[in-house]
Amino acid sequence: MNVRFLCPACETLGSVQAPAATWRCPSCGHLVTVADPPRSTTVEGVTLHACAVCGNAELYKVKGFPHWLGLTLLTGACVAFLVLNAYRLQWWAWAVLLGSAVIDGGLYLAVRDVVVCYRCGAQHRGLGYSGNRPFELTVHERYRQERLRMNDKG
């Protein structure tokens, strides 16, 4: 499992293969302990029970697909649809639009999940499909408010 995270001291991007004992930040020298998180295997996939970096038990899953690529495919399909429709090639226009939807669905099924920690934002990759719950805005907002309070105190 590959774990990507930000250094707690200077926010430099770090990446390690778990389980790894420690990671030293190349910028500030801060030492981060990366543990092998507890997990279980269910019918849905591998479920992580704690973050490898901070040990937090609240995690969520997202698709490990770059958003910019998905939006580029969608934008290209929409532009092609409009151009083909302007030339009165409606069948080709709809074929392009529906073909992009099929490609999008195939990518959704093919791309594996990434499990993310609400507290530190560490991304746990290489698990395959995850049994963790999807993103919940209320939980995210609670951790955002916690970070804001900590910044006000510090």
Foldseek 3Di string as FASTA:
>chain_A
DKKWFADPPPGDIDIDDPPDQWDADPPPRDIWGFHDFDWDADPQFIAGQAHRTPGDRAKAKDFPDDPVVLVVLQVVLVVQLVVCVVVVNNVVNVVSVVVSVVVVVVVVVPTFMWMADLQGGMTHDDRGHYPGHHDDPVSNVVNVVVVVVVVVVD
